N, C-alpha and C. Protein backbone atom coordinates (compact mmCIF):
# COMPACT_ATOMS: atom_id res chain seq x y z
N MET A 1 0.91 -1.14 0.15
CA MET A 1 -0.05 0.05 0.03
C MET A 1 0.91 1.25 0.14
N LYS A 2 0.78 2.13 -0.86
CA LYS A 2 1.56 3.40 -0.98
C LYS A 2 1.62 4.14 0.22
N LEU A 3 0.52 4.27 0.86
CA LEU A 3 0.56 5.28 1.92
C LEU A 3 1.49 4.58 3.07
N LEU A 4 1.28 3.29 3.43
CA LEU A 4 2.14 2.58 4.30
C LEU A 4 3.61 2.54 4.00
N ASP A 5 3.89 2.52 2.57
CA ASP A 5 5.27 2.59 2.17
C ASP A 5 5.78 4.08 2.32
N ASP A 6 4.99 5.07 2.31
CA ASP A 6 5.40 6.50 2.52
C ASP A 6 5.66 6.59 4.01
N ILE A 7 4.84 6.14 4.77
CA ILE A 7 4.99 6.31 6.24
C ILE A 7 6.42 5.61 6.74
N LYS A 8 6.48 4.40 6.18
CA LYS A 8 7.75 3.72 6.77
C LYS A 8 9.03 4.54 6.16
N ARG A 9 8.89 5.13 4.90
CA ARG A 9 10.04 5.87 4.22
C ARG A 9 10.35 7.07 5.03
N ARG A 10 9.26 7.87 5.41
CA ARG A 10 9.38 8.85 6.22
C ARG A 10 10.03 8.71 7.45
N ARG A 11 9.73 7.64 8.19
CA ARG A 11 10.31 7.26 9.58
C ARG A 11 11.61 6.99 9.40
N ILE A 12 12.05 6.24 8.37
CA ILE A 12 13.47 6.01 8.05
C ILE A 12 14.28 7.31 7.73
N GLU A 13 13.72 8.13 6.90
CA GLU A 13 14.38 9.41 6.68
C GLU A 13 14.55 10.24 7.94
N LEU A 14 13.73 10.15 8.85
CA LEU A 14 13.95 10.78 9.98
C LEU A 14 14.88 10.23 11.03
N GLY A 15 15.30 8.90 10.74
CA GLY A 15 16.26 8.14 11.45
C GLY A 15 15.53 7.47 12.79
N PHE A 16 14.18 7.36 12.54
CA PHE A 16 13.37 6.61 13.73
C PHE A 16 13.40 5.12 13.37
N LYS A 17 13.46 4.39 14.64
CA LYS A 17 13.12 2.93 14.49
C LYS A 17 11.66 2.71 14.90
N GLN A 18 11.04 1.60 14.63
CA GLN A 18 9.60 1.44 14.85
C GLN A 18 9.39 1.51 16.34
N LYS A 19 10.35 1.17 17.23
CA LYS A 19 10.04 1.27 18.64
C LYS A 19 10.19 2.81 19.19
N ASP A 20 10.70 3.60 18.26
CA ASP A 20 10.75 5.10 18.72
C ASP A 20 9.24 5.68 18.60
N MET A 21 8.41 5.01 17.76
CA MET A 21 7.17 5.62 17.67
C MET A 21 6.28 5.40 18.97
N HIS A 22 6.68 4.64 19.87
CA HIS A 22 5.84 4.59 21.00
C HIS A 22 5.94 5.89 21.78
N ALA A 23 7.07 6.42 21.92
CA ALA A 23 7.32 7.93 22.60
C ALA A 23 6.74 9.00 21.64
N ARG A 24 6.63 8.77 20.48
CA ARG A 24 6.27 9.82 19.50
C ARG A 24 4.78 9.81 19.40
N ILE A 25 4.11 8.74 19.41
CA ILE A 25 2.67 8.67 19.32
C ILE A 25 1.88 7.67 20.28
N GLY A 26 2.62 6.94 21.16
CA GLY A 26 1.85 6.11 22.02
C GLY A 26 1.46 4.90 21.66
N LEU A 27 1.90 4.42 20.32
CA LEU A 27 1.56 3.07 20.04
C LEU A 27 2.80 2.23 20.28
N SER A 28 2.50 0.92 20.79
CA SER A 28 3.72 -0.03 21.00
C SER A 28 4.34 -0.35 19.63
N ARG A 29 5.44 -0.91 19.90
CA ARG A 29 6.26 -1.39 18.62
C ARG A 29 5.51 -2.29 17.84
N GLN A 30 4.84 -3.33 18.59
CA GLN A 30 4.00 -4.27 17.80
C GLN A 30 2.93 -3.62 17.06
N GLN A 31 2.24 -2.79 17.63
CA GLN A 31 1.06 -2.08 16.95
C GLN A 31 1.53 -1.31 15.81
N TYR A 32 2.72 -0.63 15.91
CA TYR A 32 3.14 0.33 14.77
C TYR A 32 3.60 -0.59 13.75
N GLN A 33 4.39 -1.83 14.25
CA GLN A 33 4.93 -2.66 13.06
C GLN A 33 3.80 -3.22 12.30
N GLN A 34 2.64 -3.69 12.90
CA GLN A 34 1.47 -4.34 12.34
C GLN A 34 0.78 -3.17 11.30
N ILE A 35 0.96 -1.85 11.69
CA ILE A 35 0.40 -0.84 10.79
C ILE A 35 1.23 -0.79 9.61
N GLU A 36 2.55 -0.68 9.65
CA GLU A 36 3.52 -0.61 8.59
C GLU A 36 3.46 -1.69 7.79
N SER A 37 3.34 -2.94 8.24
CA SER A 37 3.42 -4.24 7.47
C SER A 37 2.08 -4.44 6.72
N LYS A 38 0.98 -4.37 7.23
CA LYS A 38 -0.31 -4.73 6.68
C LYS A 38 -1.49 -4.08 7.25
N GLY A 39 -1.21 -3.12 8.11
CA GLY A 39 -2.32 -2.65 8.65
C GLY A 39 -3.38 -1.88 8.15
N ASN A 40 -4.51 -1.65 8.58
CA ASN A 40 -5.60 -0.86 7.97
C ASN A 40 -5.94 0.24 9.16
N PRO A 41 -4.91 1.15 9.51
CA PRO A 41 -5.21 2.06 10.47
C PRO A 41 -6.41 2.96 10.34
N ARG A 42 -6.94 3.37 11.46
CA ARG A 42 -7.97 4.29 11.35
C ARG A 42 -7.55 5.70 11.25
N LEU A 43 -8.40 6.61 10.70
CA LEU A 43 -7.95 7.82 10.33
C LEU A 43 -7.16 8.50 11.50
N ASP A 44 -7.65 8.55 12.60
CA ASP A 44 -7.08 9.23 13.80
C ASP A 44 -5.69 8.50 13.97
N THR A 45 -5.48 7.35 13.93
CA THR A 45 -4.24 6.70 13.98
C THR A 45 -3.18 7.28 12.91
N LEU A 46 -3.71 7.47 11.70
CA LEU A 46 -2.95 8.04 10.67
C LEU A 46 -2.65 9.32 11.04
N GLU A 47 -3.49 10.19 11.51
CA GLU A 47 -3.19 11.53 11.90
C GLU A 47 -2.12 11.59 13.06
N LEU A 48 -2.12 10.69 13.97
CA LEU A 48 -1.18 10.53 15.09
C LEU A 48 0.14 10.34 14.46
N ILE A 49 0.34 9.16 13.57
CA ILE A 49 1.48 8.87 12.97
C ILE A 49 2.07 9.98 12.12
N ALA A 50 1.23 10.78 11.42
CA ALA A 50 1.62 11.84 10.67
C ALA A 50 2.37 12.94 11.49
N LYS A 51 1.67 13.19 12.54
CA LYS A 51 2.20 14.10 13.68
C LYS A 51 3.50 13.72 14.24
N GLY A 52 3.59 12.39 14.65
CA GLY A 52 4.84 11.88 15.17
C GLY A 52 6.04 11.86 14.21
N LEU A 53 5.60 11.94 12.81
CA LEU A 53 6.73 12.00 11.67
C LEU A 53 6.90 13.36 11.25
N ASN A 54 6.42 14.36 12.02
CA ASN A 54 6.57 15.85 11.58
C ASN A 54 6.01 16.06 10.25
N SER A 55 4.91 15.41 10.01
CA SER A 55 4.21 15.41 8.60
C SER A 55 2.67 15.77 8.80
N GLU A 56 2.07 15.79 7.63
CA GLU A 56 0.55 16.18 7.74
C GLU A 56 -0.18 15.35 6.74
N LEU A 57 -1.25 14.81 7.13
CA LEU A 57 -2.06 14.20 6.09
C LEU A 57 -2.79 15.30 5.26
N MET A 58 -2.93 14.96 3.80
CA MET A 58 -3.64 15.82 3.02
C MET A 58 -4.23 15.19 2.01
N LEU A 59 -5.42 15.71 1.42
CA LEU A 59 -6.17 15.20 0.40
C LEU A 59 -5.90 16.11 -0.75
N ILE A 60 -5.25 15.50 -1.80
CA ILE A 60 -4.93 16.32 -2.99
C ILE A 60 -5.57 15.93 -4.24
N PRO A 61 -6.50 16.77 -4.64
CA PRO A 61 -7.29 16.49 -5.95
C PRO A 61 -6.37 15.95 -6.98
N ASN A 62 -6.72 14.97 -7.73
CA ASN A 62 -5.87 14.45 -8.88
C ASN A 62 -5.56 15.54 -9.78
N GLU A 63 -6.60 16.56 -10.06
CA GLU A 63 -6.27 17.69 -11.05
C GLU A 63 -5.21 18.48 -10.63
N LYS A 64 -4.91 18.56 -9.30
CA LYS A 64 -3.89 19.41 -8.79
C LYS A 64 -2.61 18.68 -8.43
N LYS A 65 -2.67 17.39 -8.61
CA LYS A 65 -1.25 16.49 -8.25
C LYS A 65 -0.08 17.09 -8.82
N ARG A 66 -0.19 17.19 -10.26
CA ARG A 66 1.14 17.72 -10.92
C ARG A 66 1.64 19.07 -10.54
N GLN A 67 0.57 19.87 -10.06
CA GLN A 67 0.94 21.30 -9.68
C GLN A 67 1.63 21.15 -8.26
N ILE A 68 1.09 20.24 -7.49
CA ILE A 68 1.58 20.14 -6.03
C ILE A 68 2.96 19.57 -6.15
N LEU A 69 3.09 18.53 -6.78
CA LEU A 69 4.44 17.98 -7.03
C LEU A 69 5.42 18.93 -7.55
N ALA A 70 5.07 19.83 -8.43
CA ALA A 70 6.00 20.80 -9.03
C ALA A 70 6.32 21.77 -7.93
N ILE A 71 5.48 22.17 -7.01
CA ILE A 71 5.79 23.04 -5.94
C ILE A 71 6.70 22.34 -4.99
N LEU A 72 6.47 21.07 -4.65
CA LEU A 72 7.31 20.34 -3.63
C LEU A 72 8.66 20.23 -4.31
N ASN A 73 8.78 19.89 -5.65
CA ASN A 73 10.05 19.81 -6.36
C ASN A 73 10.76 21.04 -6.73
N GLU A 74 10.10 22.14 -6.51
CA GLU A 74 10.48 23.55 -6.78
C GLU A 74 10.89 23.60 -8.15
N ASP A 75 9.96 23.29 -9.02
CA ASP A 75 10.18 23.15 -10.51
C ASP A 75 10.09 24.58 -11.03
N LYS A 76 11.25 25.14 -11.53
CA LYS A 76 11.28 26.38 -12.03
C LYS A 76 10.70 26.60 -13.31
N ASP A 77 10.42 25.53 -14.03
CA ASP A 77 10.01 25.68 -15.47
C ASP A 77 8.49 26.01 -15.26
N ASN A 78 7.85 25.59 -14.24
CA ASN A 78 6.31 25.78 -13.92
C ASN A 78 6.01 26.96 -13.12
N GLN A 79 7.01 28.07 -12.83
CA GLN A 79 6.64 29.10 -11.99
C GLN A 79 5.30 29.82 -12.33
N PRO A 80 4.85 30.12 -13.44
CA PRO A 80 3.59 30.78 -13.62
C PRO A 80 2.59 29.99 -13.20
N GLU A 81 2.56 28.57 -13.34
CA GLU A 81 1.41 27.79 -12.96
C GLU A 81 1.51 27.74 -11.47
N ILE A 82 2.70 27.56 -10.98
CA ILE A 82 2.88 27.41 -9.54
C ILE A 82 2.29 28.70 -8.84
N GLN A 83 2.66 29.76 -9.28
CA GLN A 83 2.24 31.04 -8.65
C GLN A 83 0.61 31.23 -8.68
N SER A 84 0.12 30.68 -10.04
CA SER A 84 -1.22 30.83 -10.22
C SER A 84 -2.06 29.75 -9.20
N LEU A 85 -1.47 28.68 -8.86
CA LEU A 85 -1.97 27.77 -7.76
C LEU A 85 -1.82 28.31 -6.37
N ILE A 86 -0.76 28.94 -6.18
CA ILE A 86 -0.61 29.57 -4.83
C ILE A 86 -1.78 30.69 -4.65
N ASP A 87 -1.89 31.53 -5.66
CA ASP A 87 -2.80 32.69 -5.54
C ASP A 87 -4.39 32.05 -5.34
N ASN A 88 -4.57 31.08 -6.08
CA ASN A 88 -6.01 30.58 -6.04
C ASN A 88 -5.89 29.06 -6.17
N PRO A 89 -5.71 28.43 -5.01
CA PRO A 89 -5.57 26.85 -5.06
C PRO A 89 -6.79 26.07 -5.45
N TRP A 90 -8.00 26.66 -5.54
CA TRP A 90 -9.22 26.07 -5.79
C TRP A 90 -9.54 26.30 -7.38
N GLN A 91 -8.69 26.96 -8.04
CA GLN A 91 -9.04 27.37 -9.42
C GLN A 91 -9.39 26.06 -10.16
N GLY A 92 -10.38 25.98 -10.92
CA GLY A 92 -10.56 24.91 -11.93
C GLY A 92 -11.09 23.65 -11.23
N LEU A 93 -11.25 23.45 -9.98
CA LEU A 93 -11.84 22.25 -9.35
C LEU A 93 -13.32 22.27 -9.60
N LEU A 94 -13.98 23.32 -9.90
CA LEU A 94 -15.42 23.20 -10.11
C LEU A 94 -15.78 23.35 -11.55
N GLY A 95 -14.77 23.02 -12.41
CA GLY A 95 -15.12 23.32 -13.84
C GLY A 95 -14.84 24.64 -14.49
N ASP A 96 -14.59 25.62 -13.42
CA ASP A 96 -14.49 26.91 -14.06
C ASP A 96 -12.91 27.08 -14.27
N ASP A 97 -12.61 28.06 -15.14
CA ASP A 97 -11.19 28.42 -15.33
C ASP A 97 -10.85 29.72 -14.62
N ALA A 98 -11.56 30.21 -13.81
CA ALA A 98 -11.24 31.41 -13.09
C ALA A 98 -10.36 31.12 -11.88
């Protein structure tokens, strides 16, 4: 599952071990290990994990995914598009071009 892979990758990037998550979010190593390996965590658990990994859960519309990735990657070729998204992040979501 992509999200669980992302959680594991983020934990490793931060240098945390699974057992470290107990102090960060209150889950035992076994509970956390189960979530990373095959779990189906509740939304509130995912929010706790994100917070413990200095991250935030976000729902990104597919129509905006490319623009968000460009921002995250600081894509200099898309600066006008990025600025437009920053100025009005909801533009085009309801079928309007404004």
